Amino acid sequence: MFLKKHAKVRLFRHIKIHLQQNFAQRPFFANESVFFLPKRITFAKKNPNYIINYMAKIVTMGEIMLRLSPEGNYRFVQAEKFNIIPGGGEANVGISLANYGHESVFVSKLPTHEIGQIAVNALRKYGVCTDFIARGGERVGLYYAETGASMRPSKVIYDRAHSSIAEAKPEDFDFDKIFEGADWFHWSGITPAISDASAECLKQACIAAKKHGVTVSCDLNFRKKLWTSEKAISIMRPLMQYVDVCIGNEEDAELCLGFKPDADVEAGVTDAAGYEGIFKAMAKKFNFKYVVSTLRESFSATHNGWKALIYDGKEFYQSKRYDINPIIDRVGGGDSFSGGLIHGLLTKPTQGEALEFAVAASALKHTIPGDFNHVSVAEVEALAGGNANGRVQR
């Protein structure tokens, strides 16, 4: 059921106890001064005081591109044709959240021509709201992706200069309308890296989100082909004042924010102890509610170890580790983690359970071709609960 603002007061008595019991560890979601209530709630029929579905309106903002990939493991120079696969960081997150039943809204700018419409249609196909995608400009960003194997790494070549979102202006978006009734806003470091114009649009979006009391998450997501570490630090550090949940890996933390963990990931050292110091420092510096890092062990292009770590300002929690072999498609793995984490923090009673959902969701994404994570809540929870045998479900 969808609840308008005036309905919150009438329902407060029904759900206050539930929220206090299940979300007490997240004061920025449910405390006495800031009462967090998503717009979509389902109550149990036999007990109207019990919530069985806890859904939210979630806004993501960034660039959706068209990925051009050779079939299978063909190299670029071998290819005679390319598959067109829509995707992009925040769009991928939005797809995941729509799959989990949330009201997912994607904000961007795309051309009015048919190539731009390909991207819009891809989002609509999976239930993402495209009402706030501005139309205009000349280009859809492209990237070419070659899938590696064994010791040969995957390769990405960008062709995204002067895309519509790169030349967008803040006045292209009605941010007050976009964030009306919203619960969560997610963005990644790719968006401000695209151009100074897109960075300014993102800043205005963050300001509007906080004005409307929206929780903000950021996946640092450093891309060396888009900007230098010096430029990233100069843009990203000021934006952290708007962020509640910071997501990244060891490289992102160093190159975007200047924090270096005491861990040698290249040598396969991913113990949580190496991250505790910078997690505490980052949380103190930027007043993050949560600091989260994925921990990837890369043995080859098709064989990775995968786990994550979360810190809520009081306690650290490290997830179980997944041995992913073979990897079908790594692209979108981090985005699927972000989508899973957002869903987990909104619906799970502890940060540990939220993190386990995120890691399981991302592990599954590594088995799916394309950028989008086509999994359901039930499938993710089955894996998080220990069912990884891969047997046919009948």
Protein backbone atom coordinates (compact mmCIF):
# COMPACT_ATOMS: atom_id res chain seq x y z
CA MET A 1 0.00 0.00 0.00
CA PHE A 2 1.16 3.55 -0.70
CA LEU A 3 0.99 6.01 2.18
CA LYS A 4 0.66 9.75 1.82
CA LYS A 5 2.17 12.05 4.43
CA HIS A 6 -1.03 12.53 6.44
CA ALA A 7 -1.31 8.76 6.84
CA LYS A 8 2.00 8.56 8.70
CA VAL A 9 0.55 10.13 11.84
CA ARG A 10 -2.34 7.66 12.01
CA LEU A 11 0.00 4.71 11.48
CA PHE A 12 2.68 5.85 13.88
CA ARG A 13 1.12 4.05 16.84
CA HIS A 14 0.93 0.78 14.90
CA ILE A 15 4.56 0.67 13.84
CA LYS A 16 6.49 2.65 16.43
CA ILE A 17 7.22 -0.39 18.58
CA HIS A 18 8.23 -2.47 15.56
CA LEU A 19 10.69 0.16 14.36
CA GLN A 20 12.16 0.72 17.82
CA GLN A 21 12.75 -3.02 18.23
CA ASN A 22 14.14 -3.71 14.78
CA PHE A 23 15.91 -0.49 13.81
CA ALA A 24 17.30 0.74 17.12
CA GLN A 25 20.85 0.27 15.83
CA ARG A 26 20.24 2.87 13.10
CA PRO A 27 19.45 6.20 14.81
CA PHE A 28 19.36 8.07 11.52
CA PHE A 29 16.54 5.80 10.36
CA ALA A 30 14.38 5.58 13.47
CA ASN A 31 14.89 7.69 16.53
CA GLU A 32 12.77 10.11 18.50
CA SER A 33 13.79 13.18 16.51
CA VAL A 34 13.89 11.73 13.00
CA PHE A 35 11.16 9.20 12.33
CA PHE A 36 11.95 7.27 9.16
CA LEU A 37 8.98 5.77 7.37
CA PRO A 38 9.14 4.55 3.77
CA LYS A 39 6.15 5.21 1.60
CA ARG A 40 5.33 1.59 0.82
CA ILE A 41 4.46 -0.73 3.70
CA THR A 42 2.65 -4.07 3.74
CA PHE A 43 1.04 -5.27 6.96
CA ALA A 44 0.29 -8.87 7.86
CA LYS A 45 -3.41 -9.62 7.36
CA LYS A 46 -3.84 -11.44 10.68
CA ASN A 47 -1.87 -8.90 12.67
CA PRO A 48 -2.01 -5.33 11.37
CA ASN A 49 0.63 -4.29 13.90
CA TYR A 50 3.26 -6.42 12.13
CA ILE A 51 5.08 -5.21 9.02
CA ILE A 52 5.96 -7.94 6.53
CA ASN A 53 7.26 -5.67 3.77
CA TYR A 54 9.33 -2.55 4.28
CA MET A 55 9.77 -0.69 1.01
CA ALA A 56 11.04 2.78 0.15
CA LYS A 57 11.28 5.39 -2.57
CA ILE A 58 14.92 5.42 -3.64
CA VAL A 59 16.48 7.92 -6.08
CA THR A 60 19.70 7.22 -7.99
CA MET A 61 21.47 9.71 -10.26
CA GLY A 62 24.15 9.19 -12.87
CA GLU A 63 24.84 8.15 -16.43
CA ILE A 64 23.34 5.16 -18.16
CA MET A 65 25.43 4.12 -21.15
CA LEU A 66 25.38 1.52 -23.86
CA ARG A 67 27.95 -1.21 -23.45
CA LEU A 68 29.29 -2.76 -26.65
CA SER A 69 30.80 -6.21 -26.09
CA PRO A 70 32.11 -8.95 -28.38
CA GLU A 71 30.45 -12.30 -27.93
CA GLY A 72 31.88 -14.63 -25.31
CA ASN A 73 35.59 -14.14 -24.70
CA TYR A 74 36.41 -12.74 -28.12
CA ARG A 75 38.88 -9.87 -28.18
CA PHE A 76 38.01 -6.49 -29.69
CA VAL A 77 40.24 -7.10 -32.70
CA GLN A 78 38.47 -10.40 -33.42
CA ALA A 79 34.94 -9.04 -33.20
CA GLU A 80 32.72 -8.75 -36.25
CA LYS A 81 29.71 -7.69 -34.20
CA PHE A 82 28.98 -6.28 -30.77
CA ASN A 83 26.13 -6.89 -28.37
CA ILE A 84 24.41 -3.75 -27.06
CA ILE A 85 23.97 -3.89 -23.27
CA PRO A 86 22.58 -0.84 -21.41
CA GLY A 87 24.13 -0.15 -18.05
CA GLY A 88 25.84 2.30 -15.72
CA GLY A 89 26.66 2.51 -12.02
CA GLU A 90 23.60 4.17 -10.53
CA ALA A 91 21.26 2.71 -13.15
CA ASN A 92 22.46 -0.76 -12.17
CA VAL A 93 21.73 0.02 -8.51
CA GLY A 94 18.27 1.27 -9.47
CA ILE A 95 17.49 -1.96 -11.32
CA SER A 96 18.48 -4.04 -8.30
CA LEU A 97 16.27 -2.01 -5.99
CA ALA A 98 13.31 -2.26 -8.37
CA ASN A 99 13.82 -6.04 -8.43
CA TYR A 100 13.63 -6.02 -4.62
CA GLY A 101 10.27 -4.25 -4.77
CA HIS A 102 11.27 -0.67 -4.00
CA GLU A 103 10.01 2.42 -5.80
CA SER A 104 13.16 3.09 -7.81
CA VAL A 105 13.66 6.46 -9.54
CA PHE A 106 16.56 7.17 -11.90
CA VAL A 107 17.72 10.72 -12.68
CA SER A 108 19.90 11.50 -15.69
CA LYS A 109 19.90 13.21 -19.08
CA LEU A 110 19.62 11.45 -22.43
CA PRO A 111 19.13 12.53 -26.06
CA THR A 112 15.64 12.51 -27.54
CA HIS A 113 16.67 10.28 -30.45
CA GLU A 114 16.16 6.52 -30.69
CA ILE A 115 19.57 5.62 -29.24
CA GLY A 116 18.72 7.55 -26.12
CA GLN A 117 15.39 5.75 -26.03
CA ILE A 118 17.17 2.39 -25.90
CA ALA A 119 18.52 3.34 -22.48
CA VAL A 120 15.17 4.67 -21.26
CA ASN A 121 13.37 1.52 -22.39
CA ALA A 122 15.90 -0.69 -20.60
CA LEU A 123 15.09 1.01 -17.31
CA ARG A 124 11.34 0.92 -17.85
CA LYS A 125 11.50 -2.77 -18.69
CA TYR A 126 12.54 -3.56 -15.12
CA GLY A 127 10.19 -1.16 -13.35
CA VAL A 128 12.47 1.85 -12.81
CA CYS A 129 10.75 5.25 -12.95
CA THR A 130 12.16 7.39 -15.78
CA ASP A 131 9.95 10.46 -15.26
CA PHE A 132 12.90 12.59 -14.16
CA ILE A 133 15.29 11.79 -16.98
CA ALA A 134 15.85 15.10 -18.77
CA ARG A 135 15.88 14.80 -22.56
CA GLY A 136 18.32 16.72 -24.72
CA GLY A 137 21.91 16.81 -25.89
CA GLU A 138 23.44 14.79 -28.68
CA ARG A 139 25.14 11.69 -27.29
CA VAL A 140 24.60 8.59 -25.22
CA GLY A 141 27.82 7.54 -23.53
CA LEU A 142 29.35 4.33 -24.86
CA TYR A 143 31.86 1.91 -23.49
CA TYR A 144 33.43 -1.15 -25.03
CA ALA A 145 33.94 -4.13 -22.72
CA GLU A 146 36.08 -7.15 -23.52
CA THR A 147 35.58 -10.10 -21.16
CA GLY A 148 38.84 -11.61 -19.96
CA ALA A 149 39.63 -15.19 -18.97
CA SER A 150 42.17 -16.83 -16.68
CA MET A 151 45.31 -14.62 -16.62
CA ARG A 152 43.95 -12.23 -19.30
CA PRO A 153 42.07 -9.38 -17.61
CA SER A 154 38.89 -7.81 -18.88
CA LYS A 155 39.30 -4.49 -20.65
CA VAL A 156 37.11 -1.38 -20.88
CA ILE A 157 37.42 1.49 -23.38
CA TYR A 158 35.23 4.57 -22.81
CA ASP A 159 33.65 6.72 -25.50
CA ARG A 160 31.55 9.00 -23.32
CA ALA A 161 32.92 12.52 -23.84
CA HIS A 162 30.24 15.18 -24.44
CA SER A 163 27.39 12.86 -23.55
CA SER A 164 24.11 14.46 -22.54
CA ILE A 165 24.67 14.04 -18.79
CA ALA A 166 28.21 15.42 -19.12
CA GLU A 167 26.75 18.68 -20.43
CA ALA A 168 23.68 18.79 -18.17
CA LYS A 169 22.89 21.83 -16.01
CA PRO A 170 21.21 21.94 -12.58
CA GLU A 171 18.20 23.70 -14.11
CA ASP A 172 17.54 20.56 -16.19
CA PHE A 173 16.25 18.94 -12.99
CA ASP A 174 13.52 19.87 -10.52
CA PHE A 175 15.29 18.46 -7.48
CA ASP A 176 12.60 19.51 -5.02
CA LYS A 177 10.05 17.52 -6.98
CA ILE A 178 12.44 14.60 -7.44
CA PHE A 179 13.09 14.25 -3.70
CA GLU A 180 9.53 14.87 -2.58
CA GLY A 181 8.58 11.83 -0.49
CA ALA A 182 11.95 10.15 -1.14
CA ASP A 183 13.68 8.05 1.52
CA TRP A 184 17.12 7.42 0.04
CA PHE A 185 19.48 8.94 -2.55
CA HIS A 186 22.39 7.01 -4.02
CA TRP A 187 25.21 8.21 -6.27
CA SER A 188 28.71 7.10 -7.17
CA GLY A 189 32.06 8.80 -7.75
CA ILE A 190 31.65 8.19 -11.47
CA THR A 191 29.03 10.92 -11.77
CA PRO A 192 31.17 13.87 -10.62
CA ALA A 193 34.11 12.41 -12.58
CA ILE A 194 32.24 12.70 -15.89
CA SER A 195 32.54 16.48 -16.04
CA ASP A 196 32.54 19.62 -13.92
CA ALA A 197 28.96 20.20 -15.07
CA SER A 198 27.76 16.81 -13.87
CA ALA A 199 29.63 17.35 -10.58
CA GLU A 200 27.69 20.59 -10.03
CA CYS A 201 24.39 18.84 -10.85
CA LEU A 202 25.24 16.16 -8.30
CA LYS A 203 26.12 18.73 -5.64
CA GLN A 204 22.75 20.43 -6.08
CA ALA A 205 21.03 17.04 -5.89
CA CYS A 206 22.80 16.29 -2.59
CA ILE A 207 21.80 19.67 -1.17
CA ALA A 208 18.17 19.06 -2.13
CA ALA A 209 18.25 15.51 -0.72
CA LYS A 210 19.43 16.73 2.69
CA LYS A 211 16.86 19.54 2.58
CA HIS A 212 14.18 16.87 2.26
CA GLY A 213 15.64 14.71 5.02
CA VAL A 214 16.76 11.95 2.64
CA THR A 215 19.45 9.42 3.58
CA VAL A 216 22.40 9.66 1.16
CA SER A 217 24.77 6.87 0.17
CA CYS A 218 27.85 7.12 -2.02
CA ASP A 219 29.90 4.44 -3.75
CA LEU A 220 33.30 6.12 -4.15
CA ASN A 221 34.00 4.12 -7.33
CA PHE A 222 37.28 5.70 -8.52
CA ARG A 223 37.89 5.49 -12.28
CA LYS A 224 41.42 6.39 -13.35
CA LYS A 225 40.33 6.76 -16.98
CA LEU A 226 37.99 9.59 -15.96
CA TRP A 227 40.10 11.67 -13.56
CA THR A 228 43.24 11.82 -11.45
CA SER A 229 43.37 11.11 -7.74
CA GLU A 230 44.17 14.78 -7.08
CA LYS A 231 41.06 15.92 -8.94
CA ALA A 232 38.94 13.23 -7.30
CA ILE A 233 40.02 14.24 -3.79
CA SER A 234 39.34 17.91 -4.51
CA ILE A 235 35.75 17.15 -5.61
CA MET A 236 34.83 14.14 -3.49
CA ARG A 237 35.96 15.28 -0.05
CA PRO A 238 33.64 18.34 -0.02
CA LEU A 239 30.73 16.16 -1.19
CA MET A 240 31.17 13.84 1.79
CA GLN A 241 29.40 16.36 4.06
CA TYR A 242 26.12 15.18 2.51
CA VAL A 243 26.84 11.43 2.81
CA ASP A 244 25.46 9.09 5.49
CA VAL A 245 26.63 5.75 4.08
CA CYS A 246 30.05 5.54 2.40
CA ILE A 247 30.82 2.50 0.24
CA GLY A 248 34.11 1.68 -1.45
CA ASN A 249 37.14 -0.55 -1.54
CA GLU A 250 40.71 0.03 -0.40
CA GLU A 251 41.69 1.74 -3.68
CA ASP A 252 38.66 4.03 -3.65
CA ALA A 253 39.31 5.18 -0.08
CA GLU A 254 42.88 6.13 -0.93
CA LEU A 255 42.38 7.69 -4.36
CA CYS A 256 39.09 9.51 -3.67
CA LEU A 257 39.51 10.53 -0.03
CA GLY A 258 43.18 10.07 0.80
CA PHE A 259 42.78 7.25 3.35
CA LYS A 260 45.12 4.27 2.95
CA PRO A 261 44.31 0.97 4.71
CA ASP A 262 46.97 -1.13 6.38
CA ALA A 263 46.30 -4.06 4.07
CA ASP A 264 48.04 -5.47 0.99
CA VAL A 265 45.16 -6.53 -1.25
CA GLU A 266 47.47 -7.29 -4.19
CA ALA A 267 49.10 -9.95 -2.00
CA GLY A 268 45.72 -11.29 -0.94
CA VAL A 269 45.78 -9.76 2.55
CA THR A 270 42.18 -8.70 3.19
CA ASP A 271 41.89 -9.13 6.95
CA ALA A 272 39.42 -6.76 8.56
CA ALA A 273 42.02 -5.49 11.03
CA GLY A 274 43.80 -3.66 8.23
CA TYR A 275 40.71 -1.52 7.63
CA GLU A 276 39.56 -0.69 11.13
CA GLY A 277 41.84 2.30 11.51
CA ILE A 278 40.76 4.09 8.34
CA PHE A 279 37.09 3.21 8.88
CA LYS A 280 37.21 4.96 12.25
CA ALA A 281 39.12 7.90 10.78
CA MET A 282 36.70 8.28 7.87
CA ALA A 283 33.65 8.06 10.12
CA LYS A 284 35.09 10.68 12.47
CA LYS A 285 36.20 13.03 9.67
CA PHE A 286 32.97 12.98 7.67
CA ASN A 287 30.42 11.91 10.30
CA PHE A 288 29.40 8.83 8.31
CA LYS A 289 26.73 6.63 9.87
CA TYR A 290 28.18 3.59 8.10
CA VAL A 291 31.49 2.91 6.36
CA VAL A 292 31.47 -0.16 4.12
CA SER A 293 34.17 -1.81 2.01
CA THR A 294 34.12 -4.72 -0.38
CA LEU A 295 37.17 -6.97 -0.11
CA ARG A 296 38.07 -8.68 -3.37
CA GLU A 297 40.80 -11.29 -3.84
CA SER A 298 41.60 -11.49 -7.56
CA PHE A 299 43.23 -14.81 -8.41
CA SER A 300 42.41 -14.51 -12.09
CA ALA A 301 39.89 -12.84 -14.39
CA THR A 302 37.48 -15.70 -13.75
CA HIS A 303 38.26 -16.56 -10.12
CA ASN A 304 37.78 -14.13 -7.22
CA GLY A 305 37.30 -14.27 -3.48
CA TRP A 306 34.55 -11.90 -2.31
CA LYS A 307 33.53 -10.55 1.10
CA ALA A 308 32.89 -7.20 2.78
CA LEU A 309 33.26 -5.22 5.99
CA ILE A 310 30.91 -2.71 7.66
CA TYR A 311 31.35 -0.27 10.55
CA ASP A 312 28.49 1.59 12.24
CA GLY A 313 30.57 3.82 14.47
CA LYS A 314 30.56 1.25 17.27
CA GLU A 315 31.17 -2.23 15.92
CA PHE A 316 32.80 -3.88 12.91
CA TYR A 317 31.27 -6.82 11.09
CA GLN A 318 32.95 -8.94 8.42
CA SER A 319 30.79 -11.03 6.10
CA LYS A 320 31.25 -14.60 5.04
CA ARG A 321 33.58 -15.13 2.08
CA TYR A 322 32.44 -16.41 -1.31
CA ASP A 323 34.75 -18.19 -3.71
CA ILE A 324 33.42 -17.17 -7.12
CA ASN A 325 34.67 -19.50 -9.83
CA PRO A 326 33.99 -19.17 -12.68
CA ILE A 327 33.00 -15.52 -13.01
CA ILE A 328 30.59 -15.02 -15.89
CA ASP A 329 30.53 -11.20 -15.85
CA ARG A 330 32.20 -8.96 -13.27
CA VAL A 331 30.76 -5.70 -14.61
CA GLY A 332 28.14 -4.37 -12.21
CA GLY A 333 29.40 -6.44 -9.28
CA GLY A 334 30.02 -3.40 -7.10
CA ASP A 335 26.70 -1.83 -8.09
CA SER A 336 24.83 -4.99 -7.15
CA PHE A 337 26.56 -4.81 -3.78
CA SER A 338 25.39 -1.21 -3.28
CA GLY A 339 21.83 -2.13 -4.22
CA GLY A 340 21.87 -5.07 -1.85
CA LEU A 341 23.32 -2.97 0.96
CA ILE A 342 20.66 -0.27 0.60
CA HIS A 343 17.92 -2.90 0.66
CA GLY A 344 19.58 -4.62 3.62
CA LEU A 345 19.95 -1.46 5.69
CA LEU A 346 16.31 -0.63 5.03
CA THR A 347 14.89 -4.05 5.84
CA LYS A 348 17.25 -6.01 8.11
CA PRO A 349 17.42 -5.63 11.90
CA THR A 350 21.25 -5.62 12.12
CA GLN A 351 24.14 -4.30 10.05
CA GLY A 352 25.50 -7.83 9.83
CA GLU A 353 22.38 -9.17 8.17
CA ALA A 354 22.31 -6.16 5.84
CA LEU A 355 25.90 -6.82 4.81
CA GLU A 356 25.34 -10.55 4.26
CA PHE A 357 22.45 -9.72 1.92
CA ALA A 358 24.64 -7.30 -0.04
CA VAL A 359 27.56 -9.70 -0.40
CA ALA A 360 25.28 -12.56 -1.47
CA ALA A 361 23.52 -10.33 -4.01
CA SER A 362 26.84 -9.30 -5.51
CA ALA A 363 28.19 -12.85 -5.57
CA LEU A 364 25.15 -13.86 -7.61
CA LYS A 365 25.66 -10.96 -10.01
CA HIS A 366 29.07 -12.36 -10.95
CA THR A 367 27.21 -15.33 -12.48
CA ILE A 368 24.92 -13.20 -14.70
CA PRO A 369 25.83 -11.66 -18.09
CA GLY A 370 25.25 -7.94 -18.51
CA ASP A 371 25.32 -4.99 -16.12
CA PHE A 372 22.03 -5.62 -14.32
CA ASN A 373 21.57 -8.00 -11.39
CA HIS A 374 18.52 -10.07 -12.28
CA VAL A 375 17.87 -11.70 -8.91
CA SER A 376 15.01 -11.67 -6.41
CA VAL A 377 15.06 -11.13 -2.66
CA ALA A 378 14.27 -14.83 -2.16
CA GLU A 379 17.24 -15.92 -4.29
CA VAL A 380 19.63 -13.64 -2.44
CA GLU A 381 18.36 -14.71 0.97
CA ALA A 382 18.70 -18.37 -0.01
CA LEU A 383 22.38 -17.86 -0.79
CA ALA A 384 22.98 -15.66 2.26
CA GLY A 385 21.38 -18.40 4.34
CA GLY A 386 23.87 -20.97 3.11
CA ASN A 387 22.32 -22.53 -0.01
CA ALA A 388 25.11 -22.37 -2.59
CA ASN A 389 24.81 -25.84 -4.13
CA GLY A 390 23.48 -24.55 -7.47
CA ARG A 391 20.98 -27.40 -7.80
CA VAL A 392 18.05 -26.96 -10.15
CA GLN A 393 15.10 -25.32 -8.38
CA ARG A 394 11.93 -27.27 -9.30
